[in-house]
């Protein structure tokens, strides 16, 4: 942790589609590269609905992924502190964005569907409750202005 609790993040974004020209909304290449010091870079685009490349990540995908990843990391930390052994964790997250008809829009919700396997069946209730704790401490969920719903399934092996 930093000395004062503050954490700063830096990325570099570069539009890589300039070579294709910039003639009109329909024609410009939306591909861009995102990099951070010491990390692999990502080639991204816009959502295909906004004429992006379907095979590439887009900002909306990354927002849903950030919420899913943050919830998982928060949950695993909560379980580790509670001494609940997690054997497996997966999530099928989905987000809903609604256009406003004026060229913009906003996310209205993201739904997380975590599937968790723990080692001790006696700890199932506690493990289920920890999803609420994880939601309350998730940095990304605390930073958005829409509902982040979690529908966990926790089983023991």
Protein backbone atom coordinates (compact mmCIF):
# COMPACT_ATOMS: atom_id res chain seq x y z
CA UNK A 1 0.00 0.00 0.00
CA UNK A 2 1.21 3.51 -0.61
CA UNK A 3 2.09 5.61 2.41
CA UNK A 4 -1.02 7.78 2.14
CA UNK A 5 -3.48 5.25 0.66
CA UNK A 6 -3.38 6.94 -2.74
CA UNK A 7 -2.67 4.87 -5.85
CA UNK A 8 -2.05 6.43 -9.24
CA UNK A 9 -2.39 4.55 -12.53
CA UNK A 10 -0.95 5.58 -15.88
CA UNK A 11 -1.60 4.25 -19.33
CA UNK A 12 -0.61 5.36 -22.79
CA UNK A 13 -3.20 5.26 -25.55
CA UNK A 14 -2.26 5.62 -29.21
CA UNK A 15 -4.67 5.61 -32.12
CA UNK A 16 -3.17 3.20 -34.64
CA UNK A 17 -5.83 3.62 -37.32
CA UNK A 18 -4.56 6.94 -38.66
CA UNK A 19 -2.91 5.32 -41.70
CA UNK A 20 -6.37 4.47 -43.04
CA UNK A 21 -7.31 8.13 -43.22
CA UNK A 22 -9.98 10.19 -41.56
CA UNK A 23 -12.66 10.98 -44.10
CA UNK A 24 -15.96 10.32 -42.38
CA UNK A 25 -17.59 8.70 -39.36
CA UNK A 26 -18.27 5.55 -41.35
CA UNK A 27 -14.75 5.23 -42.76
CA UNK A 28 -12.19 5.88 -40.02
CA UNK A 29 -10.33 3.00 -38.38
CA UNK A 30 -11.08 2.84 -34.65
CA UNK A 31 -8.16 0.57 -33.73
CA UNK A 32 -5.93 1.78 -30.93
CA UNK A 33 -3.27 0.43 -28.59
CA UNK A 34 -3.29 0.74 -24.81
CA UNK A 35 -0.07 0.25 -22.88
CA UNK A 36 1.13 0.58 -19.30
CA UNK A 37 4.71 0.50 -18.07
CA UNK A 38 5.99 -3.06 -17.80
CA UNK A 39 2.77 -4.70 -19.04
CA UNK A 40 1.71 -6.25 -22.35
CA UNK A 41 -0.13 -3.81 -24.55
CA UNK A 42 -3.70 -4.32 -25.77
CA UNK A 43 -4.97 -3.66 -29.25
CA UNK A 44 -8.54 -2.44 -28.93
CA UNK A 45 -11.32 -0.90 -30.98
CA UNK A 46 -14.86 0.34 -30.55
CA UNK A 47 -17.88 -1.90 -30.19
CA UNK A 48 -18.98 -3.35 -33.56
CA UNK A 49 -22.23 -1.40 -33.16
CA UNK A 50 -20.07 1.71 -33.51
CA UNK A 51 -18.12 0.35 -36.49
CA UNK A 52 -15.32 -1.25 -34.49
CA UNK A 53 -13.47 -4.49 -35.05
CA UNK A 54 -15.49 -7.38 -33.54
CA UNK A 55 -12.41 -9.48 -32.69
CA UNK A 56 -10.85 -6.77 -30.50
CA UNK A 57 -11.66 -5.72 -26.96
CA UNK A 58 -13.61 -2.48 -26.68
CA UNK A 59 -14.05 -0.08 -23.73
CA UNK A 60 -17.43 -1.58 -22.83
CA UNK A 61 -15.95 -5.10 -22.71
CA UNK A 62 -13.12 -3.82 -20.54
CA UNK A 63 -15.49 -2.12 -18.09
CA UNK A 64 -17.48 -5.33 -17.57
CA UNK A 65 -14.20 -7.29 -17.30
CA UNK A 66 -12.82 -4.81 -14.74
CA UNK A 67 -15.91 -5.20 -12.56
CA UNK A 68 -15.78 -8.99 -12.80
CA UNK A 69 -12.05 -9.13 -12.09
CA UNK A 70 -12.23 -6.70 -9.17
CA UNK A 71 -15.10 -8.61 -7.58
CA UNK A 72 -13.20 -11.88 -7.93
CA UNK A 73 -10.01 -10.45 -6.42
CA UNK A 74 -11.98 -8.85 -3.57
CA UNK A 75 -13.85 -12.10 -2.95
CA UNK A 76 -10.69 -14.21 -2.94
CA UNK A 77 -9.11 -11.79 -0.48
CA UNK A 78 -12.18 -12.00 1.78
CA UNK A 79 -12.09 -15.80 1.64
CA UNK A 80 -8.37 -15.91 2.38
CA UNK A 81 -8.85 -13.68 5.43
CA UNK A 82 -11.74 -15.91 6.58
CA UNK A 83 -9.63 -19.04 5.97
CA UNK A 84 -12.09 -20.39 3.41
CA UNK A 85 -10.26 -22.42 0.78
CA UNK A 86 -11.45 -21.61 -2.74
CA UNK A 87 -10.81 -24.38 -5.25
CA UNK A 88 -12.30 -22.77 -8.35
CA UNK A 89 -13.83 -19.46 -9.42
CA UNK A 90 -15.42 -18.46 -12.73
CA UNK A 91 -17.79 -15.71 -13.77
CA UNK A 92 -20.05 -15.02 -16.74
CA UNK A 93 -20.57 -11.29 -16.45
CA UNK A 94 -22.77 -9.16 -18.66
CA UNK A 95 -23.43 -5.45 -18.89
CA UNK A 96 -26.23 -3.35 -20.31
CA UNK A 97 -25.54 -0.03 -21.96
CA UNK A 98 -28.35 2.14 -23.29
CA UNK A 99 -27.87 4.85 -25.91
CA UNK A 100 -29.53 8.17 -25.16
CA UNK A 101 -30.44 9.06 -28.76
CA UNK A 102 -28.10 12.09 -28.69
CA UNK A 103 -24.87 10.30 -29.56
CA UNK A 104 -24.10 9.19 -26.01
CA UNK A 105 -25.31 6.68 -23.52
CA UNK A 106 -24.54 4.99 -20.24
CA UNK A 107 -24.34 1.63 -18.55
CA UNK A 108 -27.46 0.85 -16.56
CA UNK A 109 -26.19 -2.32 -14.90
CA UNK A 110 -23.61 -5.05 -14.85
CA UNK A 111 -24.58 -8.51 -13.62
CA UNK A 112 -21.93 -10.85 -12.26
CA UNK A 113 -22.63 -14.59 -12.14
CA UNK A 114 -19.71 -15.98 -10.12
CA UNK A 115 -19.51 -19.75 -9.72
CA UNK A 116 -17.32 -20.72 -6.78
CA UNK A 117 -16.17 -24.08 -5.45
CA UNK A 118 -14.86 -24.21 -1.90
CA UNK A 119 -13.26 -27.07 0.00
CA UNK A 120 -15.41 -27.19 3.17
CA UNK A 121 -19.21 -27.60 2.94
CA UNK A 122 -19.55 -26.39 6.55
CA UNK A 123 -18.38 -22.93 5.34
CA UNK A 124 -20.90 -22.56 2.50
CA UNK A 125 -23.12 -19.93 4.17
CA UNK A 126 -20.13 -17.83 5.16
CA UNK A 127 -18.64 -18.15 1.66
CA UNK A 128 -21.93 -17.00 0.13
CA UNK A 129 -22.14 -13.97 2.46
CA UNK A 130 -18.63 -12.92 1.55
CA UNK A 131 -19.86 -11.96 -1.92
CA UNK A 132 -21.66 -9.04 -0.25
CA UNK A 133 -18.49 -8.04 1.55
CA UNK A 134 -16.49 -8.33 -1.67
CA UNK A 135 -19.01 -6.10 -3.44
CA UNK A 136 -18.74 -3.45 -0.72
CA UNK A 137 -14.94 -3.34 -0.89
CA UNK A 138 -14.49 -3.67 -4.67
CA UNK A 139 -12.67 -0.54 -5.86
CA UNK A 140 -14.20 -0.62 -9.32
CA UNK A 141 -17.80 -1.26 -8.15
CA UNK A 142 -17.39 1.67 -5.76
CA UNK A 143 -16.39 3.88 -8.69
CA UNK A 144 -19.35 3.42 -11.04
CA UNK A 145 -22.77 5.10 -10.96
CA UNK A 146 -24.88 2.11 -11.98
CA UNK A 147 -25.97 -1.11 -10.30
CA UNK A 148 -23.51 -3.97 -10.09
CA UNK A 149 -25.58 -7.04 -9.29
CA UNK A 150 -24.01 -10.29 -8.22
CA UNK A 151 -25.77 -13.64 -8.38
CA UNK A 152 -23.24 -16.06 -6.91
CA UNK A 153 -23.43 -19.81 -6.81
CA UNK A 154 -21.18 -21.36 -4.17
CA UNK A 155 -20.77 -25.13 -3.84
CA UNK A 156 -18.39 -27.41 -1.95
CA UNK A 157 -16.34 -30.20 -3.38
